[in-house]
């Protein structure tokens, strides 16, 4: 591990004959010009005891960076308070008194920056820690925000915590003492960055990334927040059975309120895994599709839209045209459907008149082409249609609207096939454009998805447990911080 020590050089960091420099730039340049004359009159009242302490603890850094102000001529009288000459003197003193090679102590000048402005100092240190050669290869740091301006110390702290994360530690020397103390500021800032990132990931339902941040924050596998994130990640991937199983490790240690949350999540996952309640599965698919769209996963969204189209159409056919069943597409299932269709002459006659790409409709197949034509049959004027398949005016209106939405989704099939079988892609513009083209006008595809679910199932998409659990993770972290 390469440890680097970073300190802002301020007005109290160098003294001459027991007193701070009255005019740091002018006096510092004069002392540099006479060097090494007068060296014994110079002292480093902050840096020297701190580095001595580190050496005694076996934590002496491989490199020391002394940061100094160096304002332009336009700064006027403020330029006389610049600490660049003092930093150069401190560099020489540290090398001699600690017997260090010259290259191990580096002076970093904030040239043409105002040391009193927080934004300029933060921007400077962000650049320096990322780009300056003094920091190359460093993977841990000790920040010493004692000398220097408040803006410089704040900027250094923020940038160092951002650059080094948990490997950033803060040392402080209290006035009137000679022994520094370690502060928790570096860890706190690092956690603040992680927390901000985590909250954004939870808002976007990026649970895999959230798990990595949770581990960095001390909430590893088996903890309540991590387990909830694991459950949500598995549920987004339709892996319902393992989602329920993922909740087990934290149940024993959970509070009663948390146990209620875990029980509710497990029950939903078990129901979804069973696959018996198609209404619930369709609602889950619609919510998952919305998530893919809103998170920018358009290729995945495209596949889900086509899947939702087929599932919704199949459910409508099963409910409106019993006993026809298009759940399976095995050879045996096709033979069964052909026999079923022969029992309904009017439907058979209707389907026999349909061609697709010049070929007769393969009416025994379980695909969206056949399913949509079956819905068209229900909406068509067919006096010979069996009475049990009749629709009330209200049912006809609802089915007609569902068929319109399904037709818009069907316009995405070719794009999905190209993406799946020919390395094609997908974008929001593709999805919205194809859907609007099919509708003949711009349409809110997500709003139509919710409407379709209601038309097919009579259920509302409503709230989604995955959304609630993302909020619960955030709340659990807030309660423990």
Protein backbone atom coordinates (compact mmCIF):
# COMPACT_ATOMS: atom_id res chain seq x y z
CA UNK A 1 0.00 0.00 0.00
CA UNK A 2 1.31 3.46 -0.93
CA UNK A 3 0.37 5.96 1.77
CA UNK A 4 0.41 9.66 0.99
CA UNK A 5 0.28 12.54 3.49
CA UNK A 6 -1.48 15.69 2.26
CA UNK A 7 -1.41 19.00 4.12
CA UNK A 8 -2.38 22.57 3.35
CA UNK A 9 0.40 24.94 4.35
CA UNK A 10 -1.04 27.94 6.17
CA UNK A 11 0.19 30.98 8.00
CA UNK A 12 0.95 29.00 11.18
CA UNK A 13 2.90 26.19 9.53
CA UNK A 14 6.27 27.94 9.41
CA UNK A 15 7.76 30.09 12.13
CA UNK A 16 10.96 32.12 12.14
CA UNK A 17 12.64 32.85 15.45
CA UNK A 18 9.54 31.60 17.22
CA UNK A 19 7.09 33.81 15.33
CA UNK A 20 4.87 33.25 12.27
CA UNK A 21 5.92 35.10 9.13
CA UNK A 22 4.31 38.53 9.06
CA UNK A 23 4.42 38.65 5.24
CA UNK A 24 4.59 35.02 4.09
CA UNK A 25 5.45 35.67 0.45
CA UNK A 26 8.08 38.40 0.94
CA UNK A 27 9.69 36.93 4.06
CA UNK A 28 9.53 33.40 2.69
CA UNK A 29 11.26 34.42 -0.55
CA UNK A 30 13.96 36.22 1.46
CA UNK A 31 14.57 33.13 3.61
CA UNK A 32 14.74 30.93 0.50
CA UNK A 33 17.32 33.27 -1.00
CA UNK A 34 19.56 32.88 2.09
CA UNK A 35 19.04 29.13 2.49
CA UNK A 36 20.50 27.23 4.33
CA UNK A 37 21.50 30.26 6.40
CA UNK A 38 19.03 30.69 9.25
CA UNK A 39 17.76 27.13 9.04
CA UNK A 40 18.08 26.62 12.80
CA UNK A 41 15.73 29.57 13.38
CA UNK A 42 12.98 27.91 11.37
CA UNK A 43 10.37 25.59 12.85
CA UNK A 44 7.37 23.60 11.63
CA UNK A 45 5.11 23.69 14.70
CA UNK A 46 2.28 21.72 13.06
CA UNK A 47 3.92 19.40 10.55
CA UNK A 48 6.97 18.28 12.50
CA UNK A 49 5.23 16.88 15.61
CA UNK A 50 2.58 15.23 13.43
CA UNK A 51 5.10 13.43 11.22
CA UNK A 52 7.17 12.50 14.27
CA UNK A 53 4.04 10.94 15.76
CA UNK A 54 3.40 8.95 12.58
CA UNK A 55 6.97 7.70 12.44
CA UNK A 56 6.70 6.53 16.03
CA UNK A 57 3.56 4.56 15.17
CA UNK A 58 5.12 2.97 12.09
CA UNK A 59 2.70 4.90 9.83
CA UNK A 60 5.11 7.25 8.12
CA UNK A 61 3.93 8.04 4.59
CA UNK A 62 5.79 7.10 1.42
CA UNK A 63 5.14 10.60 0.06
CA UNK A 64 4.33 14.01 1.55
CA UNK A 65 2.44 16.63 -0.44
CA UNK A 66 2.46 20.21 0.81
CA UNK A 67 -0.28 22.30 -0.78
CA UNK A 68 0.20 26.04 -0.97
CA UNK A 69 -1.56 29.15 -2.30
CA UNK A 70 -0.07 31.08 -5.23
CA UNK A 71 -2.41 33.87 -6.31
CA UNK A 72 -1.90 36.00 -9.44
CA UNK A 73 -0.59 39.57 -9.44
CA UNK A 74 -4.18 40.78 -9.82
CA UNK A 75 -4.88 39.59 -6.24
CA UNK A 76 -3.08 42.71 -5.01
CA UNK A 77 -2.21 42.82 -1.34
CA UNK A 78 -3.79 39.38 -0.77
CA UNK A 79 -0.93 37.89 -2.76
CA UNK A 80 1.45 38.69 0.09
CA UNK A 81 -0.30 36.07 2.24
CA UNK A 82 0.48 33.27 -0.24
CA UNK A 83 2.22 30.31 1.33
CA UNK A 84 4.14 28.93 -1.65
CA UNK A 85 7.57 30.15 -0.35
CA UNK A 86 6.76 28.77 3.10
CA UNK A 87 5.84 25.41 1.57
CA UNK A 88 9.17 25.28 -0.27
CA UNK A 89 11.00 26.00 2.98
CA UNK A 90 8.95 23.33 4.74
CA UNK A 91 9.89 20.87 2.00
CA UNK A 92 13.59 21.47 2.59
CA UNK A 93 13.25 21.31 6.36
CA UNK A 94 11.32 18.02 6.28
CA UNK A 95 13.83 16.40 3.96
CA UNK A 96 16.73 17.39 6.21
CA UNK A 97 15.15 16.74 9.59
CA UNK A 98 13.53 13.43 8.67
CA UNK A 99 16.37 12.44 6.30
CA UNK A 100 14.05 12.01 3.35
CA UNK A 101 14.95 11.92 -0.34
CA UNK A 102 14.03 15.13 -2.13
CA UNK A 103 11.43 13.45 -4.36
CA UNK A 104 9.46 12.15 -1.38
CA UNK A 105 8.26 15.64 -0.41
CA UNK A 106 6.32 17.49 -3.10
CA UNK A 107 5.06 21.08 -3.15
CA UNK A 108 1.73 21.51 -4.91
CA UNK A 109 0.83 25.11 -5.77
CA UNK A 110 -2.78 26.19 -6.34
CA UNK A 111 -1.62 28.68 -8.96
CA UNK A 112 -4.07 31.42 -9.92
CA UNK A 113 -6.71 30.08 -7.51
CA UNK A 114 -8.36 32.09 -4.77
CA UNK A 115 -7.73 30.17 -1.52
CA UNK A 116 -10.80 31.75 0.09
CA UNK A 117 -13.29 30.37 -2.45
CA UNK A 118 -14.69 26.92 -1.68
CA UNK A 119 -15.65 26.00 -5.23
CA UNK A 120 -12.22 26.92 -6.64
CA UNK A 121 -10.42 24.94 -3.96
CA UNK A 122 -12.61 21.89 -4.37
CA UNK A 123 -12.17 21.96 -8.16
CA UNK A 124 -8.41 22.35 -7.76
CA UNK A 125 -8.03 19.40 -5.40
CA UNK A 126 -10.32 17.19 -7.48
CA UNK A 127 -8.09 17.86 -10.47
CA UNK A 128 -4.84 17.47 -8.51
CA UNK A 129 -5.74 14.18 -6.84
CA UNK A 130 -6.81 12.72 -10.17
CA UNK A 131 -4.12 14.12 -12.48
CA UNK A 132 -1.02 15.36 -10.64
CA UNK A 133 1.95 13.00 -10.73
CA UNK A 134 2.44 13.34 -6.97
CA UNK A 135 -0.65 11.16 -6.43
CA UNK A 136 0.08 8.44 -8.97
CA UNK A 137 0.13 5.00 -7.42
CA UNK A 138 -1.25 6.23 -4.10
CA UNK A 139 -4.03 4.05 -2.70
CA UNK A 140 -4.38 5.51 0.82
CA UNK A 141 -4.02 8.98 2.24
CA UNK A 142 -3.69 10.89 5.47
CA UNK A 143 -5.26 14.35 5.23
CA UNK A 144 -3.97 17.04 7.58
CA UNK A 145 -6.47 19.94 7.32
CA UNK A 146 -4.93 22.16 9.98
CA UNK A 147 -2.97 24.86 8.16
CA UNK A 148 -4.42 26.68 5.18
CA UNK A 149 -7.71 28.47 4.70
CA UNK A 150 -11.08 26.95 5.63
CA UNK A 151 -11.93 26.76 1.92
CA UNK A 152 -8.69 24.95 1.10
CA UNK A 153 -9.11 22.45 3.93
CA UNK A 154 -12.74 21.80 3.04
CA UNK A 155 -11.90 21.32 -0.64
CA UNK A 156 -9.06 18.98 0.25
CA UNK A 157 -11.24 16.90 2.57
CA UNK A 158 -14.04 16.52 0.02
CA UNK A 159 -11.70 15.68 -2.84
CA UNK A 160 -9.61 13.22 -0.81
CA UNK A 161 -12.68 11.37 0.51
CA UNK A 162 -14.00 11.20 -3.05
CA UNK A 163 -10.68 9.99 -4.47
CA UNK A 164 -9.60 7.53 -1.75
CA UNK A 165 -12.92 6.52 -0.21
CA UNK A 166 -12.53 4.38 2.90
CA UNK A 167 -8.73 4.67 2.56
CA UNK A 168 -8.90 8.39 3.44
CA UNK A 169 -8.08 9.16 7.07
CA UNK A 170 -7.97 12.56 8.73
CA UNK A 171 -5.39 13.79 11.24
CA UNK A 172 -5.84 16.88 13.35
CA UNK A 173 -3.53 18.72 15.74
CA UNK A 174 -5.41 20.66 18.37
CA UNK A 175 -4.06 24.05 19.32
CA UNK A 176 -1.66 23.94 22.26
CA UNK A 177 -0.89 20.23 21.83
CA UNK A 178 1.91 18.28 20.16
CA UNK A 179 0.10 14.99 19.64
CA UNK A 180 -2.31 14.72 16.68
CA UNK A 181 -5.56 12.79 16.82
CA UNK A 182 -7.40 10.85 14.16
CA UNK A 183 -10.82 12.22 13.21
CA UNK A 184 -13.77 10.35 11.71
CA UNK A 185 -14.35 12.98 9.04
CA UNK A 186 -12.88 10.93 6.20
CA UNK A 187 -15.12 7.94 6.88
CA UNK A 188 -18.17 10.16 7.34
CA UNK A 189 -17.61 11.95 4.03
CA UNK A 190 -17.00 8.63 2.28
CA UNK A 191 -20.25 7.26 3.69
CA UNK A 192 -22.06 10.42 2.62
CA UNK A 193 -20.87 9.91 -0.97
CA UNK A 194 -21.89 6.25 -0.85
CA UNK A 195 -25.26 7.09 0.66
CA UNK A 196 -26.01 9.67 -2.02
CA UNK A 197 -25.04 7.20 -4.73
CA UNK A 198 -27.05 4.43 -3.09
CA UNK A 199 -30.20 6.54 -2.82
CA UNK A 200 -29.94 7.32 -6.53
CA UNK A 201 -29.48 3.63 -7.34
CA UNK A 202 -32.52 2.73 -5.24
CA UNK A 203 -34.55 5.41 -6.97
CA UNK A 204 -33.58 3.90 -10.33
CA UNK A 205 -34.11 0.34 -9.01
CA UNK A 206 -30.48 -0.58 -9.78
CA UNK A 207 -30.27 -3.21 -7.07
CA UNK A 208 -27.05 -4.95 -8.16
CA UNK A 209 -25.15 -1.65 -7.92
CA UNK A 210 -26.94 -0.89 -4.65
CA UNK A 211 -25.71 -4.18 -3.16
CA UNK A 212 -22.09 -3.21 -3.88
CA UNK A 213 -22.57 0.13 -2.13
CA UNK A 214 -24.35 -1.52 0.78
CA UNK A 215 -21.37 -3.81 1.30
CA UNK A 216 -19.02 -0.81 1.26
CA UNK A 217 -21.21 0.81 3.91
CA UNK A 218 -21.04 -2.25 6.15
CA UNK A 219 -24.37 -3.82 5.18
CA UNK A 220 -23.18 -7.08 3.65
CA UNK A 221 -24.97 -10.36 2.86
CA UNK A 222 -27.41 -11.37 5.59
CA UNK A 223 -28.19 -7.82 6.71
CA UNK A 224 -31.74 -6.53 6.31
CA UNK A 225 -31.02 -3.86 3.63
CA UNK A 226 -28.82 -6.21 1.58
CA UNK A 227 -31.35 -9.04 1.69
CA UNK A 228 -34.15 -6.74 0.52
CA UNK A 229 -31.98 -5.54 -2.37
CA UNK A 230 -31.19 -9.15 -3.25
CA UNK A 231 -34.89 -10.02 -3.24
CA UNK A 232 -35.72 -7.09 -5.53
CA UNK A 233 -32.90 -7.91 -7.94
CA UNK A 234 -34.10 -11.51 -8.25
CA UNK A 235 -37.69 -10.41 -8.65
CA UNK A 236 -36.78 -8.01 -11.46
CA UNK A 237 -35.30 -11.04 -13.21
CA UNK A 238 -38.53 -13.05 -12.68
CA UNK A 239 -36.58 -15.44 -10.43
CA UNK A 240 -39.41 -15.56 -7.90
CA UNK A 241 -38.56 -18.80 -6.14
CA UNK A 242 -35.02 -17.77 -5.25
CA UNK A 243 -36.28 -14.28 -4.36
CA UNK A 244 -38.41 -15.80 -1.61
CA UNK A 245 -35.52 -17.99 -0.45
CA UNK A 246 -33.18 -14.97 -0.28
CA UNK A 247 -35.21 -13.51 2.60
CA UNK A 248 -34.47 -16.36 4.98
CA UNK A 249 -31.06 -15.39 6.42
CA UNK A 250 -32.27 -12.18 8.06
CA UNK A 251 -35.61 -13.35 9.48
CA UNK A 252 -34.35 -14.61 12.83
CA UNK A 253 -32.75 -11.30 13.78
CA UNK A 254 -35.53 -9.10 12.36
CA UNK A 255 -37.84 -6.94 14.46
CA UNK A 256 -41.58 -7.72 14.37
CA UNK A 257 -42.18 -4.89 11.88
CA UNK A 258 -39.43 -6.13 9.62
CA UNK A 259 -40.70 -9.69 9.87
CA UNK A 260 -44.06 -8.49 8.60
CA UNK A 261 -42.31 -6.92 5.60
CA UNK A 262 -40.31 -10.09 4.94
CA UNK A 263 -43.45 -12.24 5.21
CA UNK A 264 -45.36 -10.07 2.74
CA UNK A 265 -42.47 -10.17 0.26
CA UNK A 266 -42.12 -13.95 0.58
CA UNK A 267 -45.86 -14.50 0.06
CA UNK A 268 -45.88 -12.43 -3.13
CA UNK A 269 -42.81 -14.21 -4.50
CA UNK A 270 -44.28 -17.63 -3.69
CA UNK A 271 -47.54 -16.71 -5.44
CA UNK A 272 -45.68 -15.49 -8.50
CA UNK A 273 -43.48 -18.59 -8.52
CA UNK A 274 -46.54 -20.84 -8.44
CA UNK A 275 -47.70 -19.36 -11.75
CA UNK A 276 -51.33 -20.28 -11.15
CA UNK A 277 -52.69 -16.73 -10.93
CA UNK A 278 -52.18 -15.31 -14.40
CA UNK A 279 -53.66 -11.95 -13.42
CA UNK A 280 -50.92 -11.38 -10.86
CA UNK A 281 -48.25 -12.49 -13.32
CA UNK A 282 -49.50 -10.09 -15.98
CA UNK A 283 -49.51 -7.19 -13.51
CA UNK A 284 -45.94 -8.12 -12.48
CA UNK A 285 -44.83 -8.22 -16.10
CA UNK A 286 -46.36 -4.80 -16.77
CA UNK A 287 -44.60 -3.27 -13.78
CA UNK A 288 -41.32 -4.88 -14.75
CA UNK A 289 -41.71 -3.59 -18.31
CA UNK A 290 -42.28 -0.07 -17.02
CA UNK A 291 -39.11 -0.37 -14.95
CA UNK A 292 -37.07 -1.46 -17.98
CA UNK A 293 -38.43 1.46 -20.02
CA UNK A 294 -37.86 4.09 -17.33
CA UNK A 295 -34.36 2.82 -16.53
CA UNK A 296 -33.28 3.03 -20.17
CA UNK A 297 -32.97 -0.74 -20.73
CA UNK A 298 -34.77 -0.44 -24.04
CA UNK A 299 -33.62 -3.73 -25.53
CA UNK A 300 -34.92 -5.59 -22.48
CA UNK A 301 -38.05 -3.45 -22.53
CA UNK A 302 -38.70 -4.43 -26.12
CA UNK A 303 -38.60 -8.12 -25.26
CA UNK A 304 -40.90 -7.56 -22.29
CA UNK A 305 -43.40 -5.60 -24.39
CA UNK A 306 -43.68 -8.45 -26.89
CA UNK A 307 -43.95 -10.95 -24.04
CA UNK A 308 -46.67 -8.86 -22.41
CA UNK A 309 -48.56 -8.62 -25.70
CA UNK A 310 -48.65 -12.42 -26.04
CA UNK A 311 -49.54 -13.04 -22.40
CA UNK A 312 -52.39 -10.51 -22.45
CA UNK A 313 -53.78 -11.82 -25.71
CA UNK A 314 -53.59 -15.42 -24.51
CA UNK A 315 -55.39 -14.52 -21.27
CA UNK A 316 -58.14 -12.71 -23.19
CA UNK A 317 -58.64 -15.69 -25.49
CA UNK A 318 -58.75 -18.13 -22.58
CA UNK A 319 -61.41 -16.06 -20.83
CA UNK A 320 -63.52 -15.13 -23.85
CA UNK A 321 -63.26 -18.29 -25.97
CA UNK A 322 -63.43 -21.29 -23.64
CA UNK A 323 -62.50 -24.11 -23.94
CA UNK A 324 -59.81 -23.01 -26.39
CA UNK A 325 -56.42 -23.03 -24.71
CA UNK A 326 -53.22 -21.60 -26.17
CA UNK A 327 -50.92 -21.96 -23.15
CA UNK A 328 -48.67 -24.53 -24.81
CA UNK A 329 -47.33 -24.93 -28.33
CA UNK A 330 -46.21 -28.57 -28.26
CA UNK A 331 -47.25 -30.92 -31.08
CA UNK A 332 -49.78 -32.55 -28.77
CA UNK A 333 -51.27 -29.16 -27.85
CA UNK A 334 -51.58 -28.21 -31.53
CA UNK A 335 -53.41 -31.45 -32.31
CA UNK A 336 -55.77 -30.80 -29.40
CA UNK A 337 -56.53 -27.28 -30.67
CA UNK A 338 -57.24 -28.53 -34.20
CA UNK A 339 -59.82 -30.91 -32.75
CA UNK A 340 -61.29 -28.12 -30.61
CA UNK A 341 -61.59 -25.78 -33.57
CA UNK A 342 -63.52 -28.40 -35.54
CA UNK A 343 -66.22 -28.17 -32.88
CA UNK A 344 -66.81 -24.49 -33.76
CA UNK A 345 -67.62 -24.29 -37.49
CA UNK A 346 -68.15 -20.52 -37.56
CA UNK A 347 -64.72 -19.84 -35.99
CA UNK A 348 -63.09 -22.41 -38.24
CA UNK A 349 -64.61 -20.78 -41.31
CA UNK A 350 -63.43 -17.35 -40.15
CA UNK A 351 -59.85 -18.48 -39.55
CA UNK A 352 -59.73 -20.48 -42.80
CA UNK A 353 -60.22 -17.27 -44.78
CA UNK A 354 -57.12 -15.61 -43.32
CA UNK A 355 -53.72 -15.70 -44.98
CA UNK A 356 -50.37 -14.51 -43.62
CA UNK A 357 -47.64 -13.68 -46.14
CA UNK A 358 -49.63 -15.54 -48.76
CA UNK A 359 -49.96 -18.69 -46.68
CA UNK A 360 -53.03 -19.98 -44.79
CA UNK A 361 -53.06 -19.00 -41.13
CA UNK A 362 -51.49 -21.76 -38.99
CA UNK A 363 -54.50 -21.60 -36.65
CA UNK A 364 -53.25 -24.36 -34.37
CA UNK A 365 -50.13 -22.40 -33.38
CA UNK A 366 -49.91 -20.58 -30.07
CA UNK A 367 -48.50 -17.25 -31.22
CA UNK A 368 -49.64 -13.65 -31.18
CA UNK A 369 -50.67 -13.68 -34.84
CA UNK A 370 -53.26 -16.39 -34.18
CA UNK A 371 -54.30 -14.91 -30.82
CA UNK A 372 -54.98 -11.47 -32.30
CA UNK A 373 -57.07 -12.98 -35.11
CA UNK A 374 -59.09 -14.82 -32.48
CA UNK A 375 -59.78 -11.51 -30.76
CA UNK A 376 -60.76 -10.03 -34.12
CA UNK A 377 -63.26 -12.85 -34.50
CA UNK A 378 -64.88 -11.89 -31.20
CA UNK A 379 -65.20 -8.28 -32.37
CA UNK A 380 -66.48 -9.18 -35.83
CA UNK A 381 -70.19 -9.35 -36.75
CA UNK A 382 -70.70 -13.13 -36.80
CA UNK A 383 -74.35 -14.13 -36.47
CA UNK A 384 -73.40 -17.79 -36.22
CA UNK A 385 -71.02 -17.27 -33.33
CA UNK A 386 -71.82 -19.54 -30.36
CA UNK A 387 -73.98 -17.70 -27.79
CA UNK A 388 -71.54 -18.40 -24.97
CA UNK A 389 -68.99 -16.29 -26.79
CA UNK A 390 -71.26 -13.28 -27.07
CA UNK A 391 -70.25 -9.87 -25.74
CA UNK A 392 -72.27 -7.15 -24.12
CA UNK A 393 -71.82 -3.65 -25.57
CA UNK A 394 -69.61 -2.72 -22.61
CA UNK A 395 -67.51 -5.88 -23.01
CA UNK A 396 -67.15 -5.20 -26.73
CA UNK A 397 -65.89 -1.69 -26.04
CA UNK A 398 -63.37 -2.95 -23.51
CA UNK A 399 -62.15 -5.74 -25.76
CA UNK A 400 -61.90 -3.33 -28.69
CA UNK A 401 -59.70 -0.99 -26.72
CA UNK A 402 -57.53 -3.88 -25.54
CA UNK A 403 -57.22 -5.08 -29.15
CA UNK A 404 -56.15 -1.60 -30.25
CA UNK A 405 -53.36 -1.52 -27.65
CA UNK A 406 -52.30 -5.05 -28.54
CA UNK A 407 -52.12 -4.07 -32.19
CA UNK A 408 -49.76 -1.25 -31.28
CA UNK A 409 -47.57 -3.65 -29.33
CA UNK A 410 -47.63 -6.07 -32.25
CA UNK A 411 -45.91 -3.39 -34.33
CA UNK A 412 -42.84 -3.95 -32.16
CA UNK A 413 -42.50 -7.65 -32.99
CA UNK A 414 -40.30 -7.18 -36.04
CA UNK A 415 -37.95 -4.86 -34.15
CA UNK A 416 -37.76 -7.36 -31.30
CA UNK A 417 -37.01 -10.24 -33.68
CA UNK A 418 -34.29 -8.23 -35.39
CA UNK A 419 -32.77 -7.40 -32.01
CA UNK A 420 -32.95 -11.02 -30.84
CA UNK A 421 -31.81 -12.84 -33.95
CA UNK A 422 -29.67 -10.35 -35.87
CA UNK A 423 -27.80 -8.26 -33.25
CA UNK A 424 -30.20 -5.40 -33.67
CA UNK A 425 -30.70 -2.72 -31.05
CA UNK A 426 -33.50 -0.71 -29.55
CA UNK A 427 -34.01 2.85 -28.35
CA UNK A 428 -36.77 4.85 -26.76
CA UNK A 429 -37.29 6.54 -30.13
CA UNK A 430 -37.73 3.13 -31.78
CA UNK A 431 -40.32 1.97 -29.28
CA UNK A 432 -42.28 5.22 -29.11
CA UNK A 433 -42.07 5.77 -32.87
CA UNK A 434 -43.28 2.32 -33.89
CA UNK A 435 -46.07 2.40 -31.33
CA UNK A 436 -47.23 5.87 -32.44
CA UNK A 437 -47.07 4.82 -36.09
CA UNK A 438 -49.32 1.84 -35.41
CA UNK A 439 -51.77 4.01 -33.46
CA UNK A 440 -51.77 6.76 -36.06
CA UNK A 441 -50.97 9.32 -33.37
CA UNK A 442 -48.50 9.87 -30.51
CA UNK A 443 -49.43 7.62 -27.59
CA UNK A 444 -48.20 7.16 -24.02
CA UNK A 445 -47.11 3.54 -24.22
CA UNK A 446 -46.68 3.17 -20.44
CA UNK A 447 -50.14 4.59 -19.82
CA UNK A 448 -51.55 2.19 -22.38
CA UNK A 449 -49.80 -0.73 -20.66
CA UNK A 450 -51.53 0.09 -17.39
CA UNK A 451 -54.81 0.48 -19.25
CA UNK A 452 -54.32 -2.89 -20.97
CA UNK A 453 -53.74 -4.68 -17.68
CA UNK A 454 -56.95 -3.21 -16.31
CA UNK A 455 -58.89 -4.18 -19.42
CA UNK A 456 -57.59 -7.75 -19.39
CA UNK A 457 -57.63 -8.51 -15.69
CA UNK A 458 -59.90 -5.94 -14.10
CA UNK A 459 -57.00 -5.24 -11.71
CA UNK A 460 -55.06 -2.02 -11.32
CA UNK A 461 -51.27 -1.99 -11.53
CA UNK A 462 -51.37 0.09 -8.35
CA UNK A 463 -48.37 0.07 -6.02
CA UNK A 464 -45.54 -2.39 -6.52
CA UNK A 465 -43.81 -4.10 -3.61
CA UNK A 466 -40.44 -3.67 -5.33
CA UNK A 467 -40.93 0.11 -5.15
CA UNK A 468 -41.95 -0.14 -1.52
CA UNK A 469 -38.92 -2.25 -0.63
CA UNK A 470 -36.56 0.23 -2.30
CA UNK A 471 -38.01 2.90 -0.01
CA UNK A 472 -37.74 0.53 2.97
CA UNK A 473 -34.02 0.02 2.30
CA UNK A 474 -33.49 3.79 2.28
CA UNK A 475 -35.53 4.17 5.47
CA UNK A 476 -33.63 1.38 7.22
CA UNK A 477 -30.33 3.10 6.45
CA UNK A 478 -31.66 6.45 7.66
CA UNK A 479 -32.76 4.87 10.95
CA UNK A 480 -29.34 3.29 11.54
CA UNK A 481 -27.21 6.34 10.64
